[in-house]
Amino acid sequence: MDQRFASNQQLPSEKRTEELVKVFLNKIQSGLFDPLENHWIRPHDEVITVNNEALTVTG
C-alpha cells in the first residue's frame, strides 16, 4: 500500500458499519434502510491507478 494513505485506523466492524449505513440512508429518506438485504463483502485490496501509478487500497 502507498504509505501516503497508511494509518493505524481499523475498518469498522460489520455491526458498526450497519449502524452507520442505517443512519446515513435514513437521513436521505426515512425508512430507506429497513427493506434492504445486507450482503457483506469481506475487506479486500483493490489496485487503482492514479497519475499512471498503481496504488493498492483496502475496500
PDB file of N, CA and C in Angstrom:
ATOM      1  N   MET A   1       0.842  -1.176   0.000  1.00  0.00           N
ATOM      2  CA  MET A   1       0.000   0.000   0.000  1.00  0.00           C
ATOM      3  C   MET A   1       0.888   1.241   0.000  1.00  0.00           C
ATOM      4  N   ASP A   2       0.433   2.266  -0.674  1.00  0.00           N
ATOM      5  CA  ASP A   2       1.137   3.538  -0.693  1.00  0.00           C
ATOM      6  C   ASP A   2       1.111   4.123   0.723  1.00  0.00           C
ATOM      7  N   GLN A   3       2.264   4.396   1.271  1.00  0.00           N
ATOM      8  CA  GLN A   3       2.363   4.858   2.654  1.00  0.00           C
ATOM      9  C   GLN A   3       1.711   6.226   2.884  1.00  0.00           C
ATOM     10  N   ARG A   4       1.459   6.971   1.815  1.00  0.00           N
ATOM     11  CA  ARG A   4       0.753   8.256   1.990  1.00  0.00           C
ATOM     12  C   ARG A   4      -0.650   8.039   2.532  1.00  0.00           C
ATOM     13  N   PHE A   5      -1.210   6.857   2.303  1.00  0.00           N
ATOM     14  CA  PHE A   5      -2.581   6.566   2.723  1.00  0.00           C
ATOM     15  C   PHE A   5      -2.638   5.630   3.919  1.00  0.00           C
ATOM     16  N   ALA A   6      -1.485   5.290   4.477  1.00  0.00           N
ATOM     17  CA  ALA A   6      -1.433   4.369   5.605  1.00  0.00           C
ATOM     18  C   ALA A   6      -1.894   5.068   6.883  1.00  0.00           C
ATOM     19  N   SER A   7      -2.553   4.312   7.721  1.00  0.00           N
ATOM     20  CA  SER A   7      -2.946   4.806   9.041  1.00  0.00           C
ATOM     21  C   SER A   7      -3.090   3.604   9.963  1.00  0.00           C
ATOM     22  N   ASN A   8      -3.197   3.877  11.220  1.00  0.00           N
ATOM     23  CA  ASN A   8      -3.388   2.806  12.192  1.00  0.00           C
ATOM     24  C   ASN A   8      -4.862   2.534  12.449  1.00  0.00           C
ATOM     25  N   GLN A   9      -5.738   3.180  11.703  1.00  0.00           N
ATOM     26  CA  GLN A   9      -7.163   3.009  11.917  1.00  0.00           C
ATOM     27  C   GLN A   9      -7.625   1.667  11.366  1.00  0.00           C
ATOM     28  N   GLN A  10      -8.542   1.049  12.084  1.00  0.00           N
ATOM     29  CA  GLN A  10      -9.144  -0.198  11.649  1.00  0.00           C
ATOM     30  C   GLN A  10     -10.466   0.099  10.968  1.00  0.00           C
ATOM     31  N   LEU A  11     -10.844  -0.749  10.016  1.00  0.00           N
ATOM     32  CA  LEU A  11     -12.170  -0.618   9.424  1.00  0.00           C
ATOM     33  C   LEU A  11     -13.205  -0.948  10.487  1.00  0.00           C
ATOM     34  N   PRO A  12     -14.389  -0.333  10.435  1.00  0.00           N
ATOM     35  CA  PRO A  12     -15.411  -0.635  11.438  1.00  0.00           C
ATOM     36  C   PRO A  12     -15.909  -2.075  11.300  1.00  0.00           C
ATOM     37  N   SER A  13     -16.413  -2.607  12.395  1.00  0.00           N
ATOM     38  CA  SER A  13     -16.974  -3.957  12.384  1.00  0.00           C
ATOM     39  C   SER A  13     -18.229  -3.985  11.518  1.00  0.00           C
ATOM     40  N   GLU A  14     -18.704  -5.186  11.189  1.00  0.00           N
ATOM     41  CA  GLU A  14     -19.940  -5.294  10.403  1.00  0.00           C
ATOM     42  C   GLU A  14     -21.095  -4.620  11.124  1.00  0.00           C
ATOM     43  N   LYS A  15     -21.193  -4.832  12.440  1.00  0.00           N
ATOM     44  CA  LYS A  15     -22.290  -4.233  13.214  1.00  0.00           C
ATOM     45  C   LYS A  15     -22.212  -2.708  13.174  1.00  0.00           C
ATOM     46  N   ARG A  16     -21.019  -2.166  13.380  1.00  0.00           N
ATOM     47  CA  ARG A  16     -20.848  -0.707  13.362  1.00  0.00           C
ATOM     48  C   ARG A  16     -21.116  -0.151  11.967  1.00  0.00           C
ATOM     49  N   THR A  17     -20.665  -0.870  10.947  1.00  0.00           N
ATOM     50  CA  THR A  17     -20.920  -0.439   9.571  1.00  0.00           C
ATOM     51  C   THR A  17     -22.411  -0.383   9.298  1.00  0.00           C
ATOM     52  N   GLU A  18     -23.129  -1.403   9.741  1.00  0.00           N
ATOM     53  CA  GLU A  18     -24.584  -1.427   9.547  1.00  0.00           C
ATOM     54  C   GLU A  18     -25.242  -0.233  10.241  1.00  0.00           C
ATOM     55  N   GLU A  19     -24.787   0.079  11.455  1.00  0.00           N
ATOM     56  CA  GLU A  19     -25.332   1.236  12.178  1.00  0.00           C
ATOM     57  C   GLU A  19     -25.079   2.533  11.411  1.00  0.00           C
ATOM     58  N   LEU A  20     -23.851   2.701  10.898  1.00  0.00           N
ATOM     59  CA  LEU A  20     -23.510   3.914  10.156  1.00  0.00           C
ATOM     60  C   LEU A  20     -24.322   4.044   8.873  1.00  0.00           C
ATOM     61  N   VAL A  21     -24.474   2.931   8.149  1.00  0.00           N
ATOM     62  CA  VAL A  21     -25.237   2.949   6.909  1.00  0.00           C
ATOM     63  C   VAL A  21     -26.700   3.272   7.193  1.00  0.00           C
ATOM     64  N   LYS A  22     -27.246   2.696   8.250  1.00  0.00           N
ATOM     65  CA  LYS A  22     -28.650   2.949   8.596  1.00  0.00           C
ATOM     66  C   LYS A  22     -28.877   4.434   8.875  1.00  0.00           C
ATOM     67  N   VAL A  23     -27.992   5.038   9.664  1.00  0.00           N
ATOM     68  CA  VAL A  23     -28.114   6.464   9.962  1.00  0.00           C
ATOM     69  C   VAL A  23     -28.014   7.281   8.676  1.00  0.00           C
ATOM     70  N   PHE A  24     -27.026   6.956   7.838  1.00  0.00           N
ATOM     71  CA  PHE A  24     -26.825   7.693   6.594  1.00  0.00           C
ATOM     72  C   PHE A  24     -28.045   7.593   5.680  1.00  0.00           C
ATOM     73  N   LEU A  25     -28.505   6.368   5.415  1.00  0.00           N
ATOM     74  CA  LEU A  25     -29.633   6.192   4.490  1.00  0.00           C
ATOM     75  C   LEU A  25     -30.918   6.800   5.033  1.00  0.00           C
ATOM     76  N   ASN A  26     -31.128   6.711   6.339  1.00  0.00           N
ATOM     77  CA  ASN A  26     -32.346   7.287   6.908  1.00  0.00           C
ATOM     78  C   ASN A  26     -32.312   8.814   6.916  1.00  0.00           C
ATOM     79  N   LYS A  27     -31.109   9.411   6.812  1.00  0.00           N
ATOM     80  CA  LYS A  27     -31.026  10.862   6.625  1.00  0.00           C
ATOM     81  C   LYS A  27     -31.461  11.233   5.206  1.00  0.00           C
ATOM     82  N   ILE A  28     -31.159  10.355   4.250  1.00  0.00           N
ATOM     83  CA  ILE A  28     -31.551  10.584   2.861  1.00  0.00           C
ATOM     84  C   ILE A  28     -33.066  10.479   2.730  1.00  0.00           C
ATOM     85  N   GLN A  29     -33.605   9.383   3.282  1.00  0.00           N
ATOM     86  CA  GLN A  29     -35.058   9.152   3.233  1.00  0.00           C
ATOM     87  C   GLN A  29     -35.425   8.237   4.392  1.00  0.00           C
ATOM     88  N   SER A  30     -36.331   8.665   5.223  1.00  0.00           N
ATOM     89  CA  SER A  30     -36.751   7.880   6.374  1.00  0.00           C
ATOM     90  C   SER A  30     -37.221   6.493   5.941  1.00  0.00           C
ATOM     91  N   GLY A  31     -36.700   5.455   6.603  1.00  0.00           N
ATOM     92  CA  GLY A  31     -37.095   4.084   6.312  1.00  0.00           C
ATOM     93  C   GLY A  31     -36.397   3.451   5.126  1.00  0.00           C
ATOM     94  N   LEU A  32     -35.483   4.165   4.486  1.00  0.00           N
ATOM     95  CA  LEU A  32     -34.813   3.660   3.286  1.00  0.00           C
ATOM     96  C   LEU A  32     -33.981   2.409   3.582  1.00  0.00           C
ATOM     97  N   PHE A  33     -33.406   2.334   4.767  1.00  0.00           N
ATOM     98  CA  PHE A  33     -32.545   1.206   5.116  1.00  0.00           C
ATOM     99  C   PHE A  33     -33.335  -0.074   5.378  1.00  0.00           C
ATOM    100  N   ASP A  34     -34.498   0.044   5.987  1.00  0.00           N
ATOM    101  CA  ASP A  34     -35.235  -1.114   6.504  1.00  0.00           C
ATOM    102  C   ASP A  34     -35.528  -2.223   5.490  1.00  0.00           C
ATOM    103  N   PRO A  35     -35.916  -1.934   4.252  1.00  0.00           N
ATOM    104  CA  PRO A  35     -36.236  -3.031   3.333  1.00  0.00           C
ATOM    105  C   PRO A  35     -35.020  -3.667   2.644  1.00  0.00           C
ATOM    106  N   LEU A  36     -33.830  -3.149   2.919  1.00  0.00           N
ATOM    107  CA  LEU A  36     -32.643  -3.651   2.230  1.00  0.00           C
ATOM    108  C   LEU A  36     -32.172  -4.978   2.802  1.00  0.00           C
ATOM    109  N   GLU A  37     -31.596  -5.811   1.937  1.00  0.00           N
ATOM    110  CA  GLU A  37     -30.911  -7.028   2.363  1.00  0.00           C
ATOM    111  C   GLU A  37     -29.420  -6.722   2.362  1.00  0.00           C
ATOM    112  N   ASN A  38     -28.744  -7.103   3.414  1.00  0.00           N
ATOM    113  CA  ASN A  38     -27.313  -6.836   3.518  1.00  0.00           C
ATOM    114  C   ASN A  38     -26.523  -8.020   2.998  1.00  0.00           C
ATOM    115  N   HIS A  39     -25.645  -7.751   2.059  1.00  0.00           N
ATOM    116  CA  HIS A  39     -24.738  -8.750   1.501  1.00  0.00           C
ATOM    117  C   HIS A  39     -23.329  -8.243   1.761  1.00  0.00           C
ATOM    118  N   TRP A  40     -22.735  -8.733   2.843  1.00  0.00           N
ATOM    119  CA  TRP A  40     -21.444  -8.213   3.277  1.00  0.00           C
ATOM    120  C   TRP A  40     -20.312  -8.752   2.419  1.00  0.00           C
ATOM    121  N   ILE A  41     -19.359  -7.906   2.186  1.00  0.00           N
ATOM    122  CA  ILE A  41     -18.144  -8.273   1.470  1.00  0.00           C
ATOM    123  C   ILE A  41     -16.991  -8.110   2.454  1.00  0.00           C
ATOM    124  N   ARG A  42     -16.188  -9.130   2.586  1.00  0.00           N
ATOM    125  CA  ARG A  42     -15.047  -9.051   3.496  1.00  0.00           C
ATOM    126  C   ARG A  42     -14.050  -8.014   2.977  1.00  0.00           C
ATOM    127  N   PRO A  43     -13.312  -7.363   3.894  1.00  0.00           N
ATOM    128  CA  PRO A  43     -12.293  -6.404   3.447  1.00  0.00           C
ATOM    129  C   PRO A  43     -11.333  -7.065   2.453  1.00  0.00           C
ATOM    130  N   HIS A  44     -10.978  -6.315   1.452  1.00  0.00           N
ATOM    131  CA  HIS A  44     -10.093  -6.829   0.412  1.00  0.00           C
ATOM    132  C   HIS A  44      -9.349  -5.661  -0.228  1.00  0.00           C
ATOM    133  N   ASP A  45      -8.242  -5.977  -0.861  1.00  0.00           N
ATOM    134  CA  ASP A  45      -7.454  -4.944  -1.524  1.00  0.00           C
ATOM    135  C   ASP A  45      -7.878  -4.795  -2.979  1.00  0.00           C
ATOM    136  N   GLU A  46      -7.845  -3.579  -3.443  1.00  0.00           N
ATOM    137  CA  GLU A  46      -8.106  -3.249  -4.848  1.00  0.00           C
ATOM    138  C   GLU A  46      -6.937  -2.411  -5.351  1.00  0.00           C
ATOM    139  N   VAL A  47      -6.551  -2.623  -6.570  1.00  0.00           N
ATOM    140  CA  VAL A  47      -5.492  -1.821  -7.174  1.00  0.00           C
ATOM    141  C   VAL A  47      -6.151  -0.778  -8.068  1.00  0.00           C
ATOM    142  N   ILE A  48      -5.808   0.485  -7.823  1.00  0.00           N
ATOM    143  CA  ILE A  48      -6.315   1.581  -8.647  1.00  0.00           C
ATOM    144  C   ILE A  48      -5.123   2.294  -9.265  1.00  0.00           C
ATOM    145  N   THR A  49      -5.360   3.038 -10.314  1.00  0.00           N
ATOM    146  CA  THR A  49      -4.291   3.788 -10.966  1.00  0.00           C
ATOM    147  C   THR A  49      -4.548   5.278 -10.781  1.00  0.00           C
ATOM    148  N   VAL A  50      -3.548   5.965 -10.255  1.00  0.00           N
ATOM    149  CA  VAL A  50      -3.624   7.408 -10.041  1.00  0.00           C
ATOM    150  C   VAL A  50      -2.368   8.012 -10.652  1.00  0.00           C
ATOM    151  N   ASN A  51      -2.560   8.923 -11.585  1.00  0.00           N
ATOM    152  CA  ASN A  51      -1.415   9.556 -12.272  1.00  0.00           C
ATOM    153  C   ASN A  51      -0.460   8.499 -12.834  1.00  0.00           C
ATOM    154  N   ASN A  52      -1.045   7.492 -13.478  1.00  0.00           N
ATOM    155  CA  ASN A  52      -0.269   6.396 -14.098  1.00  0.00           C
ATOM    156  C   ASN A  52       0.543   5.577 -13.088  1.00  0.00           C
ATOM    157  N   GLU A  53       0.162   5.625 -11.819  1.00  0.00           N
ATOM    158  CA  GLU A  53       0.842   4.849 -10.785  1.00  0.00           C
ATOM    159  C   GLU A  53      -0.169   3.923 -10.122  1.00  0.00           C
ATOM    160  N   ALA A  54       0.172   2.633 -10.027  1.00  0.00           N
ATOM    161  CA  ALA A  54      -0.721   1.665  -9.397  1.00  0.00           C
ATOM    162  C   ALA A  54      -0.636   1.808  -7.884  1.00  0.00           C
ATOM    163  N   LEU A  55      -1.813   1.947  -7.242  1.00  0.00           N
ATOM    164  CA  LEU A  55      -1.897   2.057  -5.789  1.00  0.00           C
ATOM    165  C   LEU A  55      -2.848   0.989  -5.273  1.00  0.00           C
ATOM    166  N   THR A  56      -2.560   0.432  -4.113  1.00  0.00           N
ATOM    167  CA  THR A  56      -3.436  -0.558  -3.500  1.00  0.00           C
ATOM    168  C   THR A  56      -4.210   0.103  -2.373  1.00  0.00           C
ATOM    169  N   VAL A  57      -5.519  -0.050  -2.413  1.00  0.00           N
ATOM    170  CA  VAL A  57      -6.382   0.469  -1.345  1.00  0.00           C
ATOM    171  C   VAL A  57      -7.218  -0.685  -0.810  1.00  0.00           C
ATOM    172  N   THR A  58      -7.567  -0.603   0.457  1.00  0.00           N
ATOM    173  CA  THR A  58      -8.404  -1.632   1.072  1.00  0.00           C
ATOM    174  C   THR A  58      -9.852  -1.209   0.993  1.00  0.00           C
ATOM    175  N   GLY A  59     -10.684  -2.115   0.538  1.00  0.00           N
ATOM    176  CA  GLY A  59     -12.116  -1.833   0.412  1.00  0.00           C
ATOM    177  C   GLY A  59     -12.918  -2.826   1.188  1.00  0.00           C
TER     178      GLY A  59
END
